[in-house]
């Protein structure tokens, strides 16, 4: 019983010492520099959209513009190993894509 108590005290002491060493370590200065986030990143920019009229620009609703095309929707893909194996005339409106 006395040996078990001694082992617990020794373990507690070792953990205490190890914890103090871990707290003493510092981070790499590169990580602490907030400018590092900007490496290999383009600067921020504003979104631009050219409306047909000033009135539409004041409404600020791109969906009402004739120049806006939404790409949201269902897309179909046909993956092939090489461009030569692609389906011919797949871009035409009447091409049958139900088996894709």
N, C-alpha and C. Protein backbone atom coordinates (compact mmCIF):
# COMPACT_ATOMS: atom_id res chain seq x y z
N UNK A 1 0.83 -1.19 0.00
CA UNK A 1 0.00 0.00 0.00
C UNK A 1 0.87 1.25 0.00
N UNK A 2 1.93 1.20 0.80
CA UNK A 2 2.84 2.34 0.88
C UNK A 2 3.55 2.55 -0.46
N UNK A 3 3.89 1.42 -1.12
CA UNK A 3 4.57 1.49 -2.41
C UNK A 3 3.64 2.11 -3.47
N UNK A 4 2.36 1.74 -3.45
CA UNK A 4 1.38 2.27 -4.40
C UNK A 4 1.22 3.77 -4.21
N UNK A 5 1.18 4.23 -2.98
CA UNK A 5 1.07 5.66 -2.69
C UNK A 5 2.31 6.40 -3.18
N UNK A 6 3.47 5.79 -3.01
CA UNK A 6 4.71 6.39 -3.47
C UNK A 6 4.74 6.47 -5.00
N UNK A 7 4.25 5.42 -5.67
CA UNK A 7 4.20 5.42 -7.14
C UNK A 7 3.25 6.51 -7.65
N UNK A 8 2.12 6.70 -6.99
CA UNK A 8 1.18 7.74 -7.40
C UNK A 8 1.78 9.13 -7.24
N UNK A 9 2.51 9.33 -6.14
CA UNK A 9 3.15 10.63 -5.92
C UNK A 9 4.23 10.88 -6.97
N UNK A 10 5.00 9.85 -7.30
CA UNK A 10 6.05 10.00 -8.32
C UNK A 10 5.44 10.30 -9.68
N UNK A 11 4.35 9.63 -10.03
CA UNK A 11 3.68 9.88 -11.30
C UNK A 11 3.12 11.29 -11.35
N UNK A 12 2.51 11.74 -10.26
CA UNK A 12 1.98 13.09 -10.20
C UNK A 12 3.10 14.12 -10.37
N UNK A 13 4.22 13.90 -9.73
CA UNK A 13 5.36 14.81 -9.83
C UNK A 13 5.89 14.86 -11.26
N UNK A 14 6.01 13.70 -11.91
CA UNK A 14 6.49 13.66 -13.29
C UNK A 14 5.54 14.39 -14.24
N UNK A 15 4.25 14.20 -14.06
CA UNK A 15 3.28 14.90 -14.89
C UNK A 15 3.33 16.40 -14.66
N UNK A 16 3.53 16.80 -13.43
CA UNK A 16 3.63 18.22 -13.10
C UNK A 16 4.86 18.84 -13.77
N UNK A 17 5.98 18.16 -13.71
CA UNK A 17 7.21 18.65 -14.34
C UNK A 17 7.06 18.69 -15.86
N UNK A 18 6.49 17.63 -16.44
CA UNK A 18 6.30 17.59 -17.90
C UNK A 18 5.36 18.70 -18.35
N UNK A 19 4.32 18.97 -17.60
CA UNK A 19 3.39 20.04 -17.95
C UNK A 19 4.04 21.40 -17.91
N UNK A 20 4.93 21.62 -16.97
CA UNK A 20 5.60 22.92 -16.89
C UNK A 20 6.55 23.11 -18.08
N UNK A 21 7.18 22.03 -18.55
CA UNK A 21 8.04 22.14 -19.73
C UNK A 21 7.22 22.43 -20.99
N UNK A 22 6.05 21.82 -21.08
CA UNK A 22 5.22 22.05 -22.27
C UNK A 22 4.70 23.48 -22.32
N UNK A 23 4.40 24.05 -21.18
CA UNK A 23 3.92 25.43 -21.16
C UNK A 23 5.01 26.41 -21.51
N UNK A 24 6.25 26.05 -21.28
CA UNK A 24 7.36 26.95 -21.55
C UNK A 24 7.72 27.04 -23.01
N UNK A 25 7.22 26.14 -23.85
CA UNK A 25 7.55 26.18 -25.27
C UNK A 25 6.79 27.30 -25.96
N UNK A 26 7.45 27.94 -26.90
CA UNK A 26 6.81 29.03 -27.64
C UNK A 26 6.47 28.56 -29.05
N UNK A 27 5.52 29.22 -29.64
CA UNK A 27 5.14 28.91 -31.02
C UNK A 27 6.15 29.50 -31.99
N UNK A 28 6.16 28.95 -33.17
CA UNK A 28 7.00 29.47 -34.23
C UNK A 28 6.54 30.90 -34.54
N UNK A 29 7.45 31.86 -34.66
CA UNK A 29 7.04 33.24 -34.92
C UNK A 29 6.23 33.40 -36.20
N UNK A 30 6.42 32.51 -37.16
CA UNK A 30 5.66 32.59 -38.41
C UNK A 30 4.18 32.37 -38.14
N UNK A 31 3.86 31.45 -37.24
CA UNK A 31 2.46 31.16 -36.93
C UNK A 31 1.81 32.33 -36.21
N UNK A 32 2.55 33.03 -35.40
CA UNK A 32 2.00 34.13 -34.62
C UNK A 32 1.82 35.41 -35.44
N UNK A 33 2.35 35.45 -36.64
CA UNK A 33 2.27 36.65 -37.48
C UNK A 33 0.97 36.64 -38.28
N UNK A 34 0.07 37.61 -38.08
CA UNK A 34 -1.20 37.61 -38.81
C UNK A 34 -1.04 37.85 -40.30
N UNK A 35 0.08 38.42 -40.74
CA UNK A 35 0.28 38.66 -42.17
C UNK A 35 0.56 37.37 -42.92
N UNK A 36 0.87 36.29 -42.23
CA UNK A 36 1.16 35.02 -42.89
C UNK A 36 -0.08 34.49 -43.60
N UNK A 37 -1.25 34.83 -43.11
CA UNK A 37 -2.48 34.37 -43.74
C UNK A 37 -2.57 34.86 -45.18
N UNK A 38 -1.95 35.99 -45.48
CA UNK A 38 -2.02 36.56 -46.81
C UNK A 38 -1.03 35.99 -47.81
N UNK A 39 -0.20 35.04 -47.42
CA UNK A 39 0.76 34.45 -48.36
C UNK A 39 0.01 33.62 -49.39
N UNK A 40 0.38 33.79 -50.66
CA UNK A 40 -0.24 33.07 -51.79
C UNK A 40 -1.74 33.32 -51.88
N UNK A 41 -2.18 34.51 -51.54
CA UNK A 41 -3.59 34.84 -51.59
C UNK A 41 -3.75 36.17 -52.32
N UNK A 42 -4.71 36.24 -53.21
CA UNK A 42 -4.97 37.49 -53.91
C UNK A 42 -5.62 38.49 -52.97
N UNK A 43 -5.39 39.77 -53.19
CA UNK A 43 -6.04 40.76 -52.33
C UNK A 43 -7.56 40.76 -52.55
N UNK A 44 -8.28 41.19 -51.53
CA UNK A 44 -9.73 41.24 -51.61
C UNK A 44 -10.17 42.25 -52.66
N UNK A 45 -11.30 41.95 -53.30
CA UNK A 45 -11.81 42.88 -54.31
C UNK A 45 -13.33 42.89 -54.25
N UNK A 46 -13.89 43.93 -54.81
CA UNK A 46 -15.34 44.06 -54.82
C UNK A 46 -15.93 43.30 -56.01
N UNK A 47 -17.16 42.84 -55.85
CA UNK A 47 -17.86 42.19 -56.95
C UNK A 47 -18.35 43.26 -57.91
N UNK A 48 -18.26 42.96 -59.20
CA UNK A 48 -18.68 43.93 -60.21
C UNK A 48 -19.70 43.27 -61.13
N UNK A 49 -20.76 44.00 -61.43
CA UNK A 49 -21.74 43.54 -62.40
C UNK A 49 -22.25 44.75 -63.17
N UNK A 50 -22.26 44.65 -64.50
CA UNK A 50 -22.70 45.76 -65.35
C UNK A 50 -24.18 45.59 -65.69
N UNK A 51 -25.00 46.44 -65.11
CA UNK A 51 -26.43 46.42 -65.39
C UNK A 51 -26.71 47.17 -66.69
N UNK A 52 -27.90 46.92 -67.28
CA UNK A 52 -28.27 47.60 -68.52
C UNK A 52 -28.65 49.05 -68.29
N UNK A 53 -29.15 49.34 -67.11
CA UNK A 53 -29.61 50.70 -66.85
C UNK A 53 -29.29 51.10 -65.41
N UNK A 54 -29.40 52.38 -65.17
CA UNK A 54 -29.14 52.90 -63.83
C UNK A 54 -30.23 52.43 -62.87
N UNK A 55 -31.47 52.35 -63.36
CA UNK A 55 -32.58 51.91 -62.50
C UNK A 55 -32.36 50.48 -61.99
N UNK A 56 -31.92 49.58 -62.88
CA UNK A 56 -31.64 48.21 -62.45
C UNK A 56 -30.47 48.17 -61.47
N UNK A 57 -29.50 49.03 -61.68
CA UNK A 57 -28.35 49.08 -60.78
C UNK A 57 -28.79 49.53 -59.38
N UNK A 58 -29.72 50.46 -59.31
CA UNK A 58 -30.21 50.92 -58.01
C UNK A 58 -31.02 49.83 -57.30
N UNK A 59 -31.71 48.98 -58.08
CA UNK A 59 -32.46 47.87 -57.48
C UNK A 59 -31.51 46.81 -56.92
N UNK A 60 -30.33 46.71 -57.53
CA UNK A 60 -29.29 45.77 -57.08
C UNK A 60 -29.79 44.33 -57.06
N UNK A 61 -30.50 43.94 -58.13
CA UNK A 61 -31.00 42.57 -58.26
C UNK A 61 -30.52 42.02 -59.60
N UNK A 62 -29.46 41.22 -59.56
CA UNK A 62 -28.88 40.69 -60.80
C UNK A 62 -29.84 39.75 -61.53
N UNK A 63 -30.75 39.11 -60.81
CA UNK A 63 -31.67 38.17 -61.45
C UNK A 63 -32.59 38.85 -62.45
N UNK A 64 -32.85 40.14 -62.30
CA UNK A 64 -33.72 40.87 -63.22
C UNK A 64 -32.98 41.30 -64.49
N UNK A 65 -31.69 41.20 -64.49
CA UNK A 65 -30.90 41.66 -65.63
C UNK A 65 -30.87 40.62 -66.74
N UNK A 66 -30.85 41.09 -67.99
CA UNK A 66 -30.72 40.20 -69.15
C UNK A 66 -29.30 39.66 -69.26
N UNK A 67 -28.37 40.31 -68.60
CA UNK A 67 -26.96 39.92 -68.69
C UNK A 67 -26.55 38.86 -67.66
N UNK A 68 -27.48 38.46 -66.84
CA UNK A 68 -27.17 37.49 -65.78
C UNK A 68 -27.65 36.11 -66.19
N UNK A 69 -26.78 35.11 -66.04
CA UNK A 69 -27.14 33.73 -66.33
C UNK A 69 -26.76 32.88 -65.12
N UNK A 70 -27.75 32.31 -64.48
CA UNK A 70 -27.50 31.47 -63.31
C UNK A 70 -27.07 30.08 -63.77
N UNK A 71 -26.03 29.55 -63.15
CA UNK A 71 -25.56 28.21 -63.47
C UNK A 71 -26.08 27.18 -62.47
N UNK A 72 -26.98 27.59 -61.59
CA UNK A 72 -27.60 26.65 -60.65
C UNK A 72 -28.54 25.74 -61.42
N UNK A 73 -28.58 24.50 -61.04
CA UNK A 73 -29.47 23.56 -61.69
C UNK A 73 -28.86 22.18 -61.74
N UNK A 74 -29.48 21.30 -62.52
CA UNK A 74 -29.01 19.94 -62.67
C UNK A 74 -28.02 19.86 -63.82
N UNK A 75 -26.86 19.32 -63.54
CA UNK A 75 -25.82 19.16 -64.55
C UNK A 75 -25.64 17.67 -64.81
N UNK A 76 -25.31 17.34 -66.04
CA UNK A 76 -25.03 15.95 -66.39
C UNK A 76 -23.60 15.86 -66.90
N UNK A 77 -22.89 14.83 -66.45
CA UNK A 77 -21.50 14.63 -66.84
C UNK A 77 -21.32 13.23 -67.39
N UNK A 78 -20.48 13.11 -68.38
CA UNK A 78 -20.12 11.81 -68.95
C UNK A 78 -18.60 11.74 -68.98
N UNK A 79 -18.02 11.07 -68.00
CA UNK A 79 -16.56 10.99 -67.89
C UNK A 79 -16.03 9.90 -68.81
N UNK A 80 -15.00 10.25 -69.58
CA UNK A 80 -14.34 9.29 -70.46
C UNK A 80 -12.84 9.37 -70.24
N UNK A 81 -12.11 8.33 -70.65
CA UNK A 81 -10.67 8.28 -70.41
C UNK A 81 -9.89 9.23 -71.30
N UNK A 82 -10.39 9.49 -72.48
CA UNK A 82 -9.68 10.39 -73.39
C UNK A 82 -10.70 11.19 -74.20
N UNK A 83 -10.29 12.34 -74.72
CA UNK A 83 -11.23 13.16 -75.50
C UNK A 83 -11.78 12.46 -76.73
N UNK A 84 -11.03 11.50 -77.27
CA UNK A 84 -11.50 10.79 -78.46
C UNK A 84 -12.73 9.93 -78.16
N UNK A 85 -12.91 9.54 -76.91
CA UNK A 85 -14.03 8.68 -76.51
C UNK A 85 -15.27 9.47 -76.11
N UNK A 86 -15.19 10.78 -76.17
CA UNK A 86 -16.34 11.60 -75.78
C UNK A 86 -17.50 11.39 -76.76
N UNK A 87 -18.72 11.60 -76.31
CA UNK A 87 -19.86 11.51 -77.23
C UNK A 87 -19.82 12.67 -78.22
N UNK A 88 -20.06 12.36 -79.46
CA UNK A 88 -20.07 13.40 -80.49
C UNK A 88 -21.38 14.18 -80.41
N UNK A 89 -21.33 15.46 -80.67
CA UNK A 89 -22.50 16.36 -80.69
C UNK A 89 -23.24 16.40 -79.35
N UNK A 90 -22.54 16.20 -78.24
CA UNK A 90 -23.19 16.20 -76.92
C UNK A 90 -23.71 17.57 -76.53
N UNK A 91 -23.21 18.60 -77.15
CA UNK A 91 -23.57 19.97 -76.79
C UNK A 91 -24.89 20.43 -77.42
N UNK A 92 -25.41 19.66 -78.34
CA UNK A 92 -26.66 20.05 -79.02
C UNK A 92 -27.85 19.83 -78.09
N UNK A 93 -28.88 20.66 -78.28
CA UNK A 93 -30.06 20.61 -77.41
C UNK A 93 -30.82 19.29 -77.52
N UNK A 94 -30.83 18.67 -78.70
CA UNK A 94 -31.63 17.46 -78.89
C UNK A 94 -30.83 16.17 -78.63
N UNK A 95 -29.63 16.29 -78.06
CA UNK A 95 -28.81 15.10 -77.79
C UNK A 95 -29.38 14.33 -76.61
N UNK A 96 -29.45 13.01 -76.73
CA UNK A 96 -30.04 12.14 -75.71
C UNK A 96 -29.02 11.88 -74.60
N UNK A 97 -29.29 12.39 -73.39
CA UNK A 97 -28.35 12.26 -72.27
C UNK A 97 -28.93 11.46 -71.10
N UNK A 98 -30.01 10.74 -71.30
CA UNK A 98 -30.65 10.03 -70.19
C UNK A 98 -29.80 8.89 -69.63
N UNK A 99 -28.87 8.35 -70.41
CA UNK A 99 -28.03 7.24 -69.94
C UNK A 99 -26.77 7.72 -69.24
N UNK A 100 -26.58 8.99 -69.07
CA UNK A 100 -25.38 9.52 -68.41
C UNK A 100 -25.50 9.35 -66.92
